[in-house]
Amino acid sequence: MFASDSSPLRAAEIVKGDLKVMTLSETEVMQRLSLPALLDGLASGFRSMAWGEIQAPARPEIKVPERGFMLAMPAWREGAQMMVKTVCVFEENLRKNLPNHLAMINLYDSATGKPMCVMDGTYITGIRTAAAAVLSVRELARSDAKVVTVIGAGVQGREHLRLLPMARDFDEILVGSLHFDDAQSLAQGYAGVQAVEDIETAVRRSDVVCLATHAYEPVIASDWVQAGTHVTSVGYAPPQGELPVALARDHKLYVEDDAAFEPPPVGCGELQAVDRRAAIKFGDALIGRAPMRSNAEEITVYKAMGIAMEDLVAAELVYRNALASGVPAAVTF
């Protein structure tokens, strides 16, 4: 590197020095992330992906045998900071009263590469995954959908219950789980949400079914799903997973991007035997390049894994709100 004519220093004389880097805790991230804005931001992000405006390289993986793995997820688009999220998935964490997904997000100035912000990514990872699925409900469920069933009473079940009322005015929101008492406990925190013990009956009368579990095998049967239903699935538990393969294979399937068909942990276990050529990228549907729901009878399926674009959108919103609300805490780097 050579010093420019306008620089008073030569390259050998320049040192980084101390830089102030904004820091945002999990609580601060939660306070600064508007959920309605997140839904709209994700819609914009999917459109940007469809137009090729977002860079999101393949995510490298570190495996810790018999324990877990870490993924690095970078993304950038014009007008935003460069973002890298690292997410660690360690299943035994729940026994230690830790989330099994732990994440951190770093933002870098896209003009200079300077580090600008370090924020919690654990909350963002959970909420953006649910938000993308709920966005698909907003865009793909029948206009007269009135009954939704959420299956799963963990983090994703919780976030779905928070977000679903922002997508549609449902008459009934039901929640079920492998353990009925977990569903009851979760339902108590949300007005109008009812826990159900008979999941099959709930699914058969639902217009929208949201799978949000950590199940290693399908939690519903394909023939429970009535004509015209929209099904979402966000669970990750290979090699099988929560979603019946037949639902993805035999109906109109939407995915975030082609990486959904890669082997886990990048891709979805349920899609390994599904022809990727039949799938529709959600962003393509949002810009009119591919079809949305075409009639009231077809079953639509949205299978998500979570992608870096979603982290970028959420982190952008948090960072901008942090700047607008005053100077948060910083560390010297």
Protein backbone atom coordinates (compact mmCIF):
# COMPACT_ATOMS: atom_id res chain seq x y z
CA MET A 1 0.00 0.00 0.00
CA PHE A 2 1.27 3.48 -0.87
CA ALA A 3 0.29 6.65 0.91
CA SER A 4 -1.90 8.91 -1.23
CA ASP A 5 -0.73 12.35 -2.29
CA SER A 6 -3.12 13.88 0.25
CA SER A 7 -1.76 11.87 3.18
CA PRO A 8 0.79 13.60 5.39
CA LEU A 9 2.20 10.20 6.40
CA ARG A 10 3.90 7.40 4.56
CA ALA A 11 2.49 3.90 4.86
CA ALA A 12 5.29 2.81 7.16
CA GLU A 13 4.43 5.66 9.51
CA ILE A 14 0.74 4.84 9.84
CA VAL A 15 -0.53 2.75 12.75
CA LYS A 16 -4.09 1.85 13.55
CA GLY A 17 -4.14 3.35 17.02
CA ASP A 18 -7.10 2.97 19.35
CA LEU A 19 -10.53 2.65 17.71
CA LYS A 20 -13.82 2.93 19.55
CA VAL A 21 -16.11 0.00 18.66
CA MET A 22 -19.79 0.08 19.63
CA THR A 23 -20.94 -2.85 21.75
CA LEU A 24 -24.55 -4.02 22.10
CA SER A 25 -25.64 -6.67 24.57
CA GLU A 26 -28.52 -9.09 24.03
CA THR A 27 -30.84 -6.80 26.00
CA GLU A 28 -29.76 -3.75 23.99
CA VAL A 29 -30.26 -5.62 20.71
CA MET A 30 -33.77 -6.65 21.78
CA GLN A 31 -34.63 -3.07 22.69
CA ARG A 32 -33.47 -1.74 19.33
CA LEU A 33 -35.03 -4.28 16.96
CA SER A 34 -38.54 -3.38 15.84
CA LEU A 35 -40.35 -6.57 14.84
CA PRO A 36 -42.69 -4.97 12.25
CA ALA A 37 -39.63 -3.28 10.73
CA LEU A 38 -37.84 -6.63 10.70
CA LEU A 39 -40.63 -8.27 8.68
CA ASP A 40 -40.57 -5.47 6.12
CA GLY A 41 -36.76 -5.40 6.12
CA LEU A 42 -36.61 -9.11 5.38
CA ALA A 43 -39.02 -8.68 2.47
CA SER A 44 -36.68 -6.03 1.09
CA GLY A 45 -33.69 -8.30 1.72
CA PHE A 46 -35.22 -11.19 -0.19
CA ARG A 47 -35.92 -8.86 -3.10
CA SER A 48 -32.32 -7.63 -3.01
CA MET A 49 -31.13 -11.23 -3.12
CA ALA A 50 -33.27 -11.92 -6.15
CA TRP A 51 -31.77 -8.91 -7.92
CA GLY A 52 -28.22 -10.03 -7.05
CA GLU A 53 -27.58 -7.05 -4.79
CA ILE A 54 -26.35 -8.98 -1.75
CA GLN A 55 -23.01 -10.74 -1.40
CA ALA A 56 -23.22 -13.76 0.89
CA PRO A 57 -20.33 -16.19 0.34
CA ALA A 58 -20.45 -19.82 1.40
CA ARG A 59 -20.15 -20.25 5.14
CA PRO A 60 -17.11 -22.13 6.44
CA GLU A 61 -17.56 -24.62 9.25
CA ILE A 62 -15.47 -25.76 12.20
CA LYS A 63 -16.51 -29.11 13.70
CA VAL A 64 -15.79 -30.09 17.28
CA PRO A 65 -16.30 -33.87 17.22
CA GLU A 66 -19.14 -35.16 19.40
CA ARG A 67 -19.86 -31.63 20.66
CA GLY A 68 -20.94 -29.16 18.01
CA PHE A 69 -19.90 -26.83 15.23
CA MET A 70 -19.33 -23.18 14.39
CA LEU A 71 -20.33 -21.43 11.17
CA ALA A 72 -19.16 -18.04 9.89
CA MET A 73 -21.83 -16.18 7.91
CA PRO A 74 -20.71 -13.02 6.04
CA ALA A 75 -22.96 -10.70 4.02
CA TRP A 76 -22.97 -7.20 2.51
CA ARG A 77 -25.01 -4.96 0.29
CA GLU A 78 -24.47 -1.41 -0.96
CA GLY A 79 -25.29 1.17 1.68
CA ALA A 80 -24.78 -1.20 4.60
CA GLN A 81 -21.96 -2.19 6.88
CA MET A 82 -20.14 -5.41 6.07
CA MET A 83 -21.34 -8.12 8.46
CA VAL A 84 -19.94 -11.38 9.76
CA LYS A 85 -21.90 -13.55 12.15
CA THR A 86 -20.35 -16.49 13.94
CA VAL A 87 -22.82 -19.01 15.31
CA CYS A 88 -22.01 -22.00 17.48
CA VAL A 89 -24.43 -24.93 17.70
CA PHE A 90 -23.76 -27.18 20.69
CA GLU A 91 -26.69 -29.46 21.52
CA GLU A 92 -25.61 -30.27 25.09
CA ASN A 93 -25.74 -26.59 26.07
CA LEU A 94 -29.34 -26.96 27.20
CA ARG A 95 -28.15 -29.22 30.01
CA LYS A 96 -25.91 -26.34 31.10
CA ASN A 97 -28.72 -23.74 30.99
CA LEU A 98 -27.25 -22.20 27.85
CA PRO A 99 -28.95 -21.81 24.45
CA ASN A 100 -27.85 -24.46 21.98
CA HIS A 101 -27.28 -21.65 19.47
CA LEU A 102 -24.84 -18.90 20.53
CA ALA A 103 -23.92 -16.15 18.11
CA MET A 104 -22.02 -12.88 17.77
CA ILE A 105 -22.25 -10.30 14.97
CA ASN A 106 -19.47 -7.94 13.88
CA LEU A 107 -20.05 -4.93 11.60
CA TYR A 108 -17.31 -3.29 9.55
CA ASP A 109 -17.26 0.03 7.70
CA SER A 110 -17.66 -0.76 4.00
CA ALA A 111 -15.54 2.28 3.04
CA THR A 112 -12.48 1.44 5.13
CA GLY A 113 -12.96 -1.97 6.74
CA LYS A 114 -12.82 -0.44 10.24
CA PRO A 115 -14.65 -2.45 12.91
CA MET A 116 -17.74 -0.48 13.89
CA CYS A 117 -19.86 -2.65 16.14
CA VAL A 118 -19.93 -5.93 18.04
CA MET A 119 -23.41 -7.09 18.99
CA ASP A 120 -25.11 -10.13 20.39
CA GLY A 121 -26.29 -12.44 17.63
CA THR A 122 -28.10 -15.09 19.67
CA TYR A 123 -31.37 -13.18 19.88
CA ILE A 124 -31.09 -12.10 16.25
CA THR A 125 -30.53 -15.70 15.13
CA GLY A 126 -33.75 -16.82 16.78
CA ILE A 127 -35.98 -13.92 15.85
CA ARG A 128 -34.89 -13.51 12.22
CA THR A 129 -35.48 -17.22 11.51
CA ALA A 130 -39.02 -17.02 12.87
CA ALA A 131 -39.60 -13.67 11.16
CA ALA A 132 -38.67 -15.03 7.73
CA ALA A 133 -41.10 -17.92 8.21
CA VAL A 134 -43.84 -15.55 9.38
CA LEU A 135 -43.13 -13.31 6.39
CA SER A 136 -43.87 -16.34 4.20
CA VAL A 137 -47.18 -16.68 6.07
CA ARG A 138 -47.97 -13.05 5.30
CA GLU A 139 -47.20 -13.49 1.60
CA LEU A 140 -48.25 -17.09 0.84
CA ALA A 141 -51.09 -18.12 3.15
CA ARG A 142 -54.64 -17.86 1.82
CA SER A 143 -56.21 -14.43 2.29
CA ASP A 144 -58.96 -16.02 4.40
CA ALA A 145 -56.63 -18.04 6.67
CA LYS A 146 -58.04 -17.94 10.20
CA VAL A 147 -56.53 -20.82 12.18
CA VAL A 148 -52.79 -21.35 12.73
CA THR A 149 -51.07 -24.10 14.67
CA VAL A 150 -47.50 -23.75 15.92
CA ILE A 151 -45.78 -27.03 16.79
CA GLY A 152 -42.87 -26.52 19.15
CA ALA A 153 -42.65 -24.83 22.54
CA GLY A 154 -39.00 -23.79 22.51
CA VAL A 155 -37.27 -20.62 21.27
CA GLN A 156 -38.75 -20.83 17.78
CA GLY A 157 -42.22 -21.59 19.08
CA ARG A 158 -41.98 -18.56 21.35
CA GLU A 159 -40.83 -16.25 18.56
CA HIS A 160 -43.53 -17.50 16.17
CA LEU A 161 -46.21 -16.68 18.73
CA ARG A 162 -44.84 -13.14 19.05
CA LEU A 163 -44.71 -12.55 15.31
CA LEU A 164 -47.74 -14.29 13.82
CA PRO A 165 -50.26 -11.60 14.89
CA MET A 166 -48.19 -9.12 12.85
CA ALA A 167 -48.73 -11.16 9.68
CA ARG A 168 -52.45 -11.90 9.84
CA ASP A 169 -55.50 -11.32 12.01
CA PHE A 170 -56.03 -14.96 13.00
CA ASP A 171 -59.15 -16.11 14.80
CA GLU A 172 -57.25 -18.88 16.57
CA ILE A 173 -53.57 -19.41 17.36
CA LEU A 174 -52.86 -22.90 18.69
CA VAL A 175 -49.60 -24.31 20.05
CA GLY A 176 -48.65 -27.95 20.54
CA SER A 177 -45.54 -29.76 21.70
CA LEU A 178 -44.18 -33.22 22.38
CA HIS A 179 -44.80 -32.41 26.04
CA PHE A 180 -48.23 -30.85 26.54
CA ASP A 181 -47.18 -29.04 29.71
CA ASP A 182 -44.52 -27.17 27.72
CA ALA A 183 -47.19 -25.99 25.30
CA GLN A 184 -49.42 -24.94 28.19
CA SER A 185 -46.61 -23.01 29.84
CA LEU A 186 -45.77 -21.17 26.62
CA ALA A 187 -49.40 -20.40 25.76
CA GLN A 188 -49.95 -18.72 29.13
CA GLY A 189 -47.63 -15.90 28.09
CA TYR A 190 -49.69 -14.87 25.05
CA ALA A 191 -53.24 -13.54 25.03
CA GLY A 192 -55.59 -15.64 22.93
CA VAL A 193 -53.13 -18.52 22.37
CA GLN A 194 -54.46 -21.98 23.23
CA ALA A 195 -52.37 -25.07 23.97
CA VAL A 196 -53.53 -28.26 22.24
CA GLU A 197 -52.77 -31.85 23.15
CA ASP A 198 -54.18 -33.48 20.00
CA ILE A 199 -51.81 -32.15 17.35
CA GLU A 200 -53.32 -34.17 14.51
CA THR A 201 -56.77 -32.67 15.05
CA ALA A 202 -55.29 -29.17 15.28
CA VAL A 203 -53.34 -29.57 12.04
CA ARG A 204 -56.35 -30.97 10.17
CA ARG A 205 -58.37 -27.83 10.95
CA SER A 206 -55.57 -25.32 10.41
CA ASP A 207 -55.03 -22.96 7.50
CA VAL A 208 -51.40 -22.38 8.50
CA VAL A 209 -49.06 -24.88 10.20
CA CYS A 210 -45.72 -23.70 11.59
CA LEU A 211 -43.18 -26.37 12.52
CA ALA A 212 -40.71 -24.99 15.06
CA THR A 213 -39.18 -27.99 16.80
CA HIS A 214 -35.89 -29.73 17.32
CA ALA A 215 -37.33 -33.07 16.24
CA TYR A 216 -35.20 -35.71 14.51
CA GLU A 217 -38.19 -37.13 12.67
CA PRO A 218 -41.38 -35.64 11.20
CA VAL A 219 -43.77 -34.23 13.79
CA ILE A 220 -46.82 -34.34 11.50
CA ALA A 221 -48.04 -36.63 8.72
CA SER A 222 -48.51 -35.29 5.20
CA ASP A 223 -52.12 -36.43 5.03
CA TRP A 224 -53.05 -34.33 8.07
CA VAL A 225 -52.51 -31.16 6.01
CA GLN A 226 -55.70 -29.97 4.32
CA ALA A 227 -55.90 -28.43 0.87
CA GLY A 228 -55.02 -24.74 0.84
CA THR A 229 -52.74 -24.88 3.89
CA HIS A 230 -49.46 -23.01 4.13
CA VAL A 231 -46.77 -24.95 6.02
CA THR A 232 -43.55 -23.49 7.37
CA SER A 233 -40.60 -25.36 8.86
CA VAL A 234 -37.59 -23.87 10.61
CA GLY A 235 -36.32 -26.81 12.67
CA TYR A 236 -32.82 -28.21 12.21
CA ALA A 237 -32.16 -31.79 13.34
CA PRO A 238 -30.58 -33.97 10.64
CA PRO A 239 -30.55 -36.48 9.15
CA GLN A 240 -34.38 -36.42 8.93
CA GLY A 241 -35.89 -33.43 10.71
CA GLU A 242 -39.40 -32.24 11.50
CA LEU A 243 -40.88 -31.80 8.00
CA PRO A 244 -42.28 -34.82 6.11
CA VAL A 245 -40.31 -35.16 2.89
CA ALA A 246 -43.53 -35.74 0.93
CA LEU A 247 -44.80 -32.26 1.83
CA ALA A 248 -41.70 -30.64 0.36
CA ARG A 249 -41.52 -32.99 -2.62
CA ASP A 250 -45.17 -33.07 -3.71
CA HIS A 251 -46.29 -29.47 -3.21
CA LYS A 252 -45.18 -25.93 -4.08
CA LEU A 253 -41.90 -25.50 -2.19
CA TYR A 254 -40.26 -22.17 -1.32
CA VAL A 255 -36.70 -21.82 0.03
CA GLU A 256 -34.44 -18.93 0.98
CA ASP A 257 -31.77 -19.84 -1.55
CA ASP A 258 -30.13 -22.80 -3.27
CA ALA A 259 -28.00 -23.51 -0.19
CA ALA A 260 -31.09 -25.17 1.30
CA PHE A 261 -30.22 -28.23 -0.78
CA GLU A 262 -26.63 -28.50 0.41
CA PRO A 263 -25.77 -31.18 2.99
CA PRO A 264 -26.35 -30.18 6.65
CA PRO A 265 -25.41 -28.10 8.54
CA VAL A 266 -25.62 -25.58 5.68
CA GLY A 267 -28.65 -27.20 4.05
CA CYS A 268 -31.82 -28.95 5.17
CA GLY A 269 -31.91 -32.65 5.95
CA GLU A 270 -35.50 -32.89 4.72
CA LEU A 271 -34.56 -31.60 1.25
CA GLN A 272 -31.72 -34.00 0.47
CA ALA A 273 -34.04 -36.22 -1.62
CA VAL A 274 -35.99 -33.33 -3.18
CA ASP A 275 -35.29 -32.02 -6.70
CA ARG A 276 -33.92 -28.50 -6.24
CA ARG A 277 -35.12 -27.55 -9.73
CA ALA A 278 -38.71 -27.72 -8.51
CA ALA A 279 -38.16 -25.27 -5.65
CA ILE A 280 -38.95 -21.56 -5.81
CA LYS A 281 -36.65 -19.02 -4.24
CA PHE A 282 -38.78 -16.80 -2.04
CA GLY A 283 -37.15 -13.61 -3.30
CA ASP A 284 -37.94 -14.55 -6.89
CA ALA A 285 -41.60 -14.88 -5.92
CA LEU A 286 -41.57 -11.50 -4.16
CA ILE A 287 -40.29 -9.70 -7.27
CA GLY A 288 -42.68 -11.53 -9.62
CA ARG A 289 -40.06 -13.70 -11.29
CA ALA A 290 -41.65 -16.86 -9.88
CA PRO A 291 -45.23 -17.64 -8.82
CA MET A 292 -46.79 -16.99 -5.44
CA ARG A 293 -49.86 -18.98 -4.34
CA SER A 294 -51.97 -19.50 -7.45
CA ASN A 295 -55.24 -20.80 -5.96
CA ALA A 296 -57.03 -21.51 -2.71
CA GLU A 297 -56.57 -25.28 -2.92
CA GLU A 298 -52.83 -25.74 -3.31
CA ILE A 299 -50.56 -26.54 -0.39
CA THR A 300 -47.56 -24.23 -0.10
CA VAL A 301 -44.44 -25.10 1.91
CA TYR A 302 -41.66 -22.80 3.15
CA LYS A 303 -38.56 -24.60 4.42
CA ALA A 304 -35.99 -22.35 6.06
CA MET A 305 -32.46 -22.79 7.36
CA GLY A 306 -31.59 -19.18 8.17
CA ILE A 307 -29.24 -17.24 5.92
CA ALA A 308 -26.75 -14.40 6.32
CA MET A 309 -28.98 -11.89 4.54
CA GLU A 310 -31.44 -12.18 7.42
CA ASP A 311 -28.71 -11.45 9.97
CA LEU A 312 -27.53 -8.49 7.90
CA VAL A 313 -31.03 -6.99 7.76
CA ALA A 314 -31.57 -7.40 11.50
CA ALA A 315 -28.11 -6.08 12.40
CA GLU A 316 -28.62 -3.03 10.12
CA LEU A 317 -31.85 -2.17 11.92
CA VAL A 318 -30.27 -2.55 15.35
CA TYR A 319 -27.17 -0.53 14.45
CA ARG A 320 -29.12 2.35 12.91
CA ASN A 321 -31.48 2.52 15.87
CA ALA A 322 -28.50 2.49 18.25
CA LEU A 323 -26.94 5.44 16.42
CA ALA A 324 -30.23 7.33 16.43
CA SER A 325 -30.82 6.80 20.14
CA GLY A 326 -27.45 8.06 21.31
CA VAL A 327 -23.95 6.71 21.69
CA PRO A 328 -24.04 3.23 23.29
CA ALA A 329 -21.19 1.67 25.19
CA ALA A 330 -17.96 1.14 23.30
CA VAL A 331 -14.70 -0.71 23.78
CA THR A 332 -11.27 0.37 22.63
CA PHE A 333 -9.88 -1.88 19.95
